[in-house]
PDB file of N, CA and C in Angstrom:
ATOM      1  N   MET A   1     106.586 103.796  96.243  1.00  0.00           N
ATOM      2  CA  MET A   1     105.102 103.939  96.231  1.00  0.00           C
ATOM      3  C   MET A   1     104.496 102.534  96.358  1.00  0.00           C
ATOM      4  N   VAL A   2     103.585 102.407  97.288  1.00  0.00           N
ATOM      5  CA  VAL A   2     102.931 101.128  97.495  1.00  0.00           C
ATOM      6  C   VAL A   2     101.546 101.210  96.877  1.00  0.00           C
ATOM      7  N   LEU A   3     101.239 100.290  96.062  1.00  0.00           N
ATOM      8  CA  LEU A   3      99.899 100.190  95.373  1.00  0.00           C
ATOM      9  C   LEU A   3      98.919  99.923  96.560  1.00  0.00           C
ATOM     10  N   PRO A   4      97.854 100.665  96.680  1.00  0.00           N
ATOM     11  CA  PRO A   4      96.908 100.451  97.805  1.00  0.00           C
ATOM     12  C   PRO A   4      96.326  98.991  97.830  1.00  0.00           C
ATOM     13  N   ASP A   5      95.931  98.477  96.731  1.00  0.00           N
ATOM     14  CA  ASP A   5      95.355  97.170  96.780  1.00  0.00           C
ATOM     15  C   ASP A   5      96.290  96.134  97.208  1.00  0.00           C
ATOM     16  N   VAL A   6      97.602  96.297  96.804  1.00  0.00           N
ATOM     17  CA  VAL A   6      98.633  95.288  97.170  1.00  0.00           C
ATOM     18  C   VAL A   6      98.911  95.457  98.679  1.00  0.00           C
ATOM     19  N   LYS A   7      98.971  96.671  99.181  1.00  0.00           N
ATOM     20  CA  LYS A   7      99.246  96.910 100.634  1.00  0.00           C
ATOM     21  C   LYS A   7      98.077  96.295 101.445  1.00  0.00           C
ATOM     22  N   ASP A   8      96.904  96.539 101.095  1.00  0.00           N
ATOM     23  CA  ASP A   8      95.658  96.000 101.714  1.00  0.00           C
ATOM     24  C   ASP A   8      95.741  94.413 101.762  1.00  0.00           C
ATOM     25  N   ARG A   9      96.090  93.793 100.652  1.00  0.00           N
ATOM     26  CA  ARG A   9      96.074  92.341 100.577  1.00  0.00           C
ATOM     27  C   ARG A   9      97.219  91.834 101.487  1.00  0.00           C
ATOM     28  N   ILE A  10      98.311  92.486 101.450  1.00  0.00           N
ATOM     29  CA  ILE A  10      99.476  92.070 102.340  1.00  0.00           C
ATOM     30  C   ILE A  10      99.117  92.089 103.798  1.00  0.00           C
ATOM     31  N   MET A  11      98.546  93.224 104.139  1.00  0.00           N
ATOM     32  CA  MET A  11      98.060  93.425 105.450  1.00  0.00           C
ATOM     33  C   MET A  11      97.069  92.440 106.014  1.00  0.00           C
ATOM     34  N   ARG A  12      96.120  92.116 105.126  1.00  0.00           N
ATOM     35  CA  ARG A  12      95.102  91.068 105.518  1.00  0.00           C
ATOM     36  C   ARG A  12      95.812  89.791 105.698  1.00  0.00           C
ATOM     37  N   ASP A  13      96.662  89.418 104.728  1.00  0.00           N
ATOM     38  CA  ASP A  13      97.429  88.175 104.819  1.00  0.00           C
ATOM     39  C   ASP A  13      98.320  88.022 106.116  1.00  0.00           C
ATOM     40  N   LEU A  14      98.955  89.214 106.484  1.00  0.00           N
ATOM     41  CA  LEU A  14      99.758  89.234 107.695  1.00  0.00           C
ATOM     42  C   LEU A  14      98.981  88.962 108.918  1.00  0.00           C
ATOM     43  N   ASP A  15      97.840  89.420 108.969  1.00  0.00           N
ATOM     44  CA  ASP A  15      96.953  89.280 110.145  1.00  0.00           C
ATOM     45  C   ASP A  15      96.631  87.834 110.352  1.00  0.00           C
ATOM     46  N   ARG A  16      96.687  87.041 109.345  1.00  0.00           N
ATOM     47  CA  ARG A  16      96.321  85.641 109.483  1.00  0.00           C
ATOM     48  C   ARG A  16      97.553  84.785 109.804  1.00  0.00           C
ATOM     49  N   LEU A  17      98.756  85.366 109.903  1.00  0.00           N
ATOM     50  CA  LEU A  17      99.898  84.582 110.077  1.00  0.00           C
ATOM     51  C   LEU A  17     100.322  84.540 111.609  1.00  0.00           C
ATOM     52  N   SER A  18     100.975  83.542 111.936  1.00  0.00           N
ATOM     53  CA  SER A  18     101.503  83.467 113.334  1.00  0.00           C
ATOM     54  C   SER A  18     102.647  84.474 113.515  1.00  0.00           C
ATOM     55  N   PRO A  19     103.024  84.761 114.738  1.00  0.00           N
ATOM     56  CA  PRO A  19     104.194  85.724 114.920  1.00  0.00           C
ATOM     57  C   PRO A  19     105.381  85.266 114.178  1.00  0.00           C
ATOM     58  N   GLU A  20     105.671  83.886 114.282  1.00  0.00           N
ATOM     59  CA  GLU A  20     106.873  83.447 113.611  1.00  0.00           C
ATOM     60  C   GLU A  20     106.797  83.588 112.101  1.00  0.00           C
ATOM     61  N   GLN A  21     105.650  83.307 111.534  1.00  0.00           N
ATOM     62  CA  GLN A  21     105.417  83.520 110.019  1.00  0.00           C
ATOM     63  C   GLN A  21     105.474  85.026 109.707  1.00  0.00           C
ATOM     64  N   GLN A  22     105.040  85.840 110.576  1.00  0.00           N
ATOM     65  CA  GLN A  22     105.213  87.234 110.275  1.00  0.00           C
ATOM     66  C   GLN A  22     106.638  87.704 110.231  1.00  0.00           C
ATOM     67  N   ARG A  23     107.481  87.152 111.176  1.00  0.00           N
ATOM     68  CA  ARG A  23     108.927  87.386 111.170  1.00  0.00           C
ATOM     69  C   ARG A  23     109.531  86.933 109.815  1.00  0.00           C
ATOM     70  N   ARG A  24     109.170  85.743 109.465  1.00  0.00           N
ATOM     71  CA  ARG A  24     109.790  85.157 108.191  1.00  0.00           C
ATOM     72  C   ARG A  24     109.332  86.037 107.036  1.00  0.00           C
ATOM     73  N   ALA A  25     108.039  86.545 106.987  1.00  0.00           N
ATOM     74  CA  ALA A  25     107.521  87.456 105.916  1.00  0.00           C
ATOM     75  C   ALA A  25     108.374  88.713 105.912  1.00  0.00           C
ATOM     76  N   ALA A  26     108.592  89.277 107.086  1.00  0.00           N
ATOM     77  CA  ALA A  26     109.404  90.447 107.109  1.00  0.00           C
ATOM     78  C   ALA A  26     110.893  90.224 106.597  1.00  0.00           C
ATOM     79  N   GLU A  27     111.419  89.113 106.945  1.00  0.00           N
ATOM     80  CA  GLU A  27     112.751  88.707 106.372  1.00  0.00           C
ATOM     81  C   GLU A  27     112.740  88.637 104.871  1.00  0.00           C
ATOM     82  N   LEU A  28     111.678  88.034 104.392  1.00  0.00           N
ATOM     83  CA  LEU A  28     111.618  87.902 102.918  1.00  0.00           C
ATOM     84  C   LEU A  28     111.505  89.254 102.327  1.00  0.00           C
ATOM     85  N   VAL A  29     110.602  90.095 102.771  1.00  0.00           N
ATOM     86  CA  VAL A  29     110.531  91.447 102.190  1.00  0.00           C
ATOM     87  C   VAL A  29     111.792  92.170 102.334  1.00  0.00           C
ATOM     88  N   GLY A  30     112.464  92.103 103.505  1.00  0.00           N
ATOM     89  CA  GLY A  30     113.738  92.756 103.707  1.00  0.00           C
ATOM     90  C   GLY A  30     114.838  92.270 102.709  1.00  0.00           C
ATOM     91  N   GLY A  31     114.824  90.960 102.411  1.00  0.00           N
ATOM     92  CA  GLY A  31     115.736  90.374 101.416  1.00  0.00           C
ATOM     93  C   GLY A  31     115.437  90.923 100.000  1.00  0.00           C
ATOM     94  N   LEU A  32     114.177  91.146  99.704  1.00  0.00           N
ATOM     95  CA  LEU A  32     113.876  91.680  98.415  1.00  0.00           C
ATOM     96  C   LEU A  32     114.350  93.167  98.273  1.00  0.00           C
ATOM     97  N   VAL A  33     114.136  93.940  99.340  1.00  0.00           N
ATOM     98  CA  VAL A  33     114.548  95.321  99.315  1.00  0.00           C
ATOM     99  C   VAL A  33     116.052  95.402  99.236  1.00  0.00           C
ATOM    100  N   SER A  34     116.824  94.672 100.080  1.00  0.00           N
ATOM    101  CA  SER A  34     118.263  94.773 100.099  1.00  0.00           C
ATOM    102  C   SER A  34     118.852  94.350  98.820  1.00  0.00           C
ATOM    103  N   SER A  35     118.197  93.653  97.950  1.00  0.00           N
ATOM    104  CA  SER A  35     118.766  93.210  96.641  1.00  0.00           C
ATOM    105  C   SER A  35     118.581  94.272  95.578  1.00  0.00           C
ATOM    106  N   LEU A  36     117.801  95.359  95.897  1.00  0.00           N
ATOM    107  CA  LEU A  36     117.577  96.395  94.896  1.00  0.00           C
ATOM    108  C   LEU A  36     118.785  97.197  94.852  1.00  0.00           C
ATOM    109  N   PRO A  37     119.133  97.705  93.628  1.00  0.00           N
ATOM    110  CA  PRO A  37     120.294  98.558  93.524  1.00  0.00           C
ATOM    111  C   PRO A  37     120.099  99.912  94.238  1.00  0.00           C
ATOM    112  N   GLN A  38     121.238 100.307  94.879  1.00  0.00           N
ATOM    113  CA  GLN A  38     121.237 101.571  95.674  1.00  0.00           C
ATOM    114  C   GLN A  38     121.951 102.651  94.926  1.00  0.00           C
ATOM    115  N   GLY A  39     121.394 103.762  94.917  1.00  0.00           N
ATOM    116  CA  GLY A  39     122.059 104.949  94.268  1.00  0.00           C
ATOM    117  C   GLY A  39     122.733 105.766  95.315  1.00  0.00           C
ATOM    118  N   ALA A  40     123.515 106.749  94.860  1.00  0.00           N
ATOM    119  CA  ALA A  40     124.208 107.672  95.771  1.00  0.00           C
ATOM    120  C   ALA A  40     123.247 108.663  96.387  1.00  0.00           C
ATOM    121  N   SER A  41     123.533 108.955  97.634  1.00  0.00           N
ATOM    122  CA  SER A  41     122.693 109.904  98.325  1.00  0.00           C
ATOM    123  C   SER A  41     123.115 111.341  97.875  1.00  0.00           C
ATOM    124  N   VAL A  42     122.278 112.262  98.190  1.00  0.00           N
ATOM    125  CA  VAL A  42     122.527 113.651  97.809  1.00  0.00           C
ATOM    126  C   VAL A  42     123.794 114.079  98.480  1.00  0.00           C
ATOM    127  N   GLU A  43     124.000 113.667  99.768  1.00  0.00           N
ATOM    128  CA  GLU A  43     125.178 114.092 100.525  1.00  0.00           C
ATOM    129  C   GLU A  43     126.483 113.493  99.879  1.00  0.00           C
ATOM    130  N   ASP A  44     126.305 112.285  99.285  1.00  0.00           N
ATOM    131  CA  ASP A  44     127.498 111.687  98.662  1.00  0.00           C
ATOM    132  C   ASP A  44     127.869 112.447  97.387  1.00  0.00           C
ATOM    133  N   LEU A  45     126.790 112.903  96.670  1.00  0.00           N
ATOM    134  CA  LEU A  45     127.014 113.626  95.388  1.00  0.00           C
ATOM    135  C   LEU A  45     127.652 114.980  95.750  1.00  0.00           C
ATOM    136  N   LEU A  46     127.141 115.595  96.835  1.00  0.00           N
ATOM    137  CA  LEU A  46     127.644 116.981  97.133  1.00  0.00           C
ATOM    138  C   LEU A  46     129.148 116.862  97.552  1.00  0.00           C
ATOM    139  N   LYS A  47     129.590 115.741  98.055  1.00  0.00           N
ATOM    140  CA  LYS A  47     131.005 115.610  98.440  1.00  0.00           C
ATOM    141  C   LYS A  47     131.957 115.658  97.157  1.00  0.00           C
ATOM    142  N   VAL A  48     131.366 115.273  96.102  1.00  0.00           N
ATOM    143  CA  VAL A  48     132.309 115.211  94.908  1.00  0.00           C
ATOM    144  C   VAL A  48     131.887 116.378  93.904  1.00  0.00           C
ATOM    145  N   ALA A  49     130.954 117.127  94.255  1.00  0.00           N
ATOM    146  CA  ALA A  49     130.552 118.247  93.325  1.00  0.00           C
ATOM    147  C   ALA A  49     131.707 119.168  93.185  1.00  0.00           C
ATOM    148  N   GLY A  50     131.995 119.565  91.884  1.00  0.00           N
ATOM    149  CA  GLY A  50     133.075 120.532  91.608  1.00  0.00           C
ATOM    150  C   GLY A  50     134.417 119.953  91.628  1.00  0.00           C
ATOM    151  N   THR A  51     134.656 118.682  91.758  1.00  0.00           N
ATOM    152  CA  THR A  51     135.934 118.069  91.807  1.00  0.00           C
ATOM    153  C   THR A  51     136.522 117.703  90.411  1.00  0.00           C
ATOM    154  N   LEU A  52     135.675 117.712  89.428  1.00  0.00           N
ATOM    155  CA  LEU A  52     136.137 117.379  88.032  1.00  0.00           C
ATOM    156  C   LEU A  52     136.860 118.647  87.474  1.00  0.00           C
ATOM    157  N   ASP A  53     138.014 118.473  87.025  1.00  0.00           N
ATOM    158  CA  ASP A  53     138.691 119.659  86.398  1.00  0.00           C
ATOM    159  C   ASP A  53     138.248 119.771  84.953  1.00  0.00           C
ATOM    160  N   ALA A  54     138.476 120.998  84.377  1.00  0.00           N
ATOM    161  CA  ALA A  54     138.047 121.337  83.119  1.00  0.00           C
ATOM    162  C   ALA A  54     138.540 120.493  82.008  1.00  0.00           C
ATOM    163  N   GLU A  55     139.828 120.006  82.075  1.00  0.00           N
ATOM    164  CA  GLU A  55     140.303 119.096  81.089  1.00  0.00           C
ATOM    165  C   GLU A  55     139.699 117.793  81.057  1.00  0.00           C
ATOM    166  N   SER A  56     139.410 117.267  82.290  1.00  0.00           N
ATOM    167  CA  SER A  56     138.760 115.890  82.373  1.00  0.00           C
ATOM    168  C   SER A  56     137.394 116.029  81.875  1.00  0.00           C
ATOM    169  N   ALA A  57     136.680 117.135  82.187  1.00  0.00           N
ATOM    170  CA  ALA A  57     135.318 117.329  81.719  1.00  0.00           C
ATOM    171  C   ALA A  57     135.321 117.420  80.214  1.00  0.00           C
ATOM    172  N   ARG A  58     136.228 118.081  79.643  1.00  0.00           N
ATOM    173  CA  ARG A  58     136.334 118.207  78.197  1.00  0.00           C
ATOM    174  C   ARG A  58     136.531 116.783  77.582  1.00  0.00           C
ATOM    175  N   GLU A  59     137.432 116.054  78.126  1.00  0.00           N
ATOM    176  CA  GLU A  59     137.724 114.634  77.591  1.00  0.00           C
ATOM    177  C   GLU A  59     136.515 113.782  77.632  1.00  0.00           C
ATOM    178  N   MET A  60     135.759 113.939  78.771  1.00  0.00           N
ATOM    179  CA  MET A  60     134.518 113.138  78.906  1.00  0.00           C
ATOM    180  C   MET A  60     133.534 113.503  77.905  1.00  0.00           C
ATOM    181  N   MET A  61     133.290 114.815  77.758  1.00  0.00           N
ATOM    182  CA  MET A  61     132.362 115.320  76.693  1.00  0.00           C
ATOM    183  C   MET A  61     132.715 114.786  75.279  1.00  0.00           C
ATOM    184  N   GLN A  62     133.976 114.820  75.013  1.00  0.00           N
ATOM    185  CA  GLN A  62     134.519 114.427  73.626  1.00  0.00           C
ATOM    186  C   GLN A  62     134.249 112.909  73.445  1.00  0.00           C
ATOM    187  N   ALA A  63     134.488 112.105  74.499  1.00  0.00           N
ATOM    188  CA  ALA A  63     134.315 110.660  74.458  1.00  0.00           C
ATOM    189  C   ALA A  63     132.784 110.371  74.233  1.00  0.00           C
ATOM    190  N   ILE A  64     131.896 111.201  74.859  1.00  0.00           N
ATOM    191  CA  ILE A  64     130.502 110.980  74.688  1.00  0.00           C
ATOM    192  C   ILE A  64     130.005 111.297  73.358  1.00  0.00           C
ATOM    193  N   GLU A  65     130.542 112.446  72.850  1.00  0.00           N
ATOM    194  CA  GLU A  65     130.168 112.831  71.511  1.00  0.00           C
ATOM    195  C   GLU A  65     130.622 111.845  70.407  1.00  0.00           C
ATOM    196  N   GLU A  66     131.861 111.317  70.617  1.00  0.00           N
ATOM    197  CA  GLU A  66     132.420 110.430  69.616  1.00  0.00           C
ATOM    198  C   GLU A  66     131.795 109.000  69.739  1.00  0.00           C
ATOM    199  N   GLY A  67     131.501 108.524  70.902  1.00  0.00           N
ATOM    200  CA  GLY A  67     131.050 107.244  70.989  1.00  0.00           C
ATOM    201  C   GLY A  67     129.591 106.963  71.320  1.00  0.00           C
ATOM    202  N   CYS A  68     128.854 107.988  71.687  1.00  0.00           N
ATOM    203  CA  CYS A  68     127.400 107.837  71.944  1.00  0.00           C
ATOM    204  C   CYS A  68     126.481 108.545  71.147  1.00  0.00           C
ATOM    205  N   GLU A  69     126.923 109.526  70.343  1.00  0.00           N
ATOM    206  CA  GLU A  69     125.963 110.273  69.602  1.00  0.00           C
ATOM    207  C   GLU A  69     125.925 109.896  68.124  1.00  0.00           C
ATOM    208  N   ARG A  70     126.487 108.721  67.804  1.00  0.00           N
ATOM    209  CA  ARG A  70     126.459 108.226  66.440  1.00  0.00           C
ATOM    210  C   ARG A  70     125.498 107.168  66.386  1.00  0.00           C
ATOM    211  N   VAL A  71     124.778 107.094  65.191  1.00  0.00           N
ATOM    212  CA  VAL A  71     123.843 105.981  64.965  1.00  0.00           C
ATOM    213  C   VAL A  71     124.380 105.214  63.785  1.00  0.00           C
ATOM    214  N   ASP A  72     124.580 103.844  64.017  1.00  0.00           N
ATOM    215  CA  ASP A  72     124.998 102.989  62.954  1.00  0.00           C
ATOM    216  C   ASP A  72     123.810 102.276  62.460  1.00  0.00           C
ATOM    217  N   PRO A  73     123.232 102.681  61.270  1.00  0.00           N
ATOM    218  CA  PRO A  73     122.012 102.070  60.711  1.00  0.00           C
ATOM    219  C   PRO A  73     122.218 100.539  60.465  1.00  0.00           C
ATOM    220  N   ASP A  74     123.453 100.099  60.249  1.00  0.00           N
ATOM    221  CA  ASP A  74     123.617  98.713  59.878  1.00  0.00           C
ATOM    222  C   ASP A  74     123.771  97.939  61.166  1.00  0.00           C
ATOM    223  N   GLU A  75     123.803  98.490  62.239  1.00  0.00           N
ATOM    224  CA  GLU A  75     124.053  97.768  63.522  1.00  0.00           C
ATOM    225  C   GLU A  75     122.736  96.899  63.927  1.00  0.00           C
ATOM    226  N   TRP A  76     121.537  97.321  63.506  1.00  0.00           N
ATOM    227  CA  TRP A  76     120.320  96.605  63.760  1.00  0.00           C
ATOM    228  C   TRP A  76     120.170  95.600  62.736  1.00  0.00           C
TER     229      TRP A  76
END
C-alpha cells in the first residue's frame, strides 16, 4: 500500500529529475524492494499441502506445547 502523500511527493520529485537520475532512482527503489523478505507463494504452499504425516505432526505439536506454551516468570 502506497501512502498517497508519499506517492505524490515522489512523483513530483521524479518529474524534476533528468532521465539518468530517474533511472538511478528506479534502481534505488528496486534495491530497497529486493532486500525485503520474500514469503512463499500460494502455489508453493499448495505443493507441500498434505505432505506432513500424522506422526511428524504429532511430534511438532508436542514440541510446540513443551517449548512454546510455558511462561517463565523469572526470565524477565
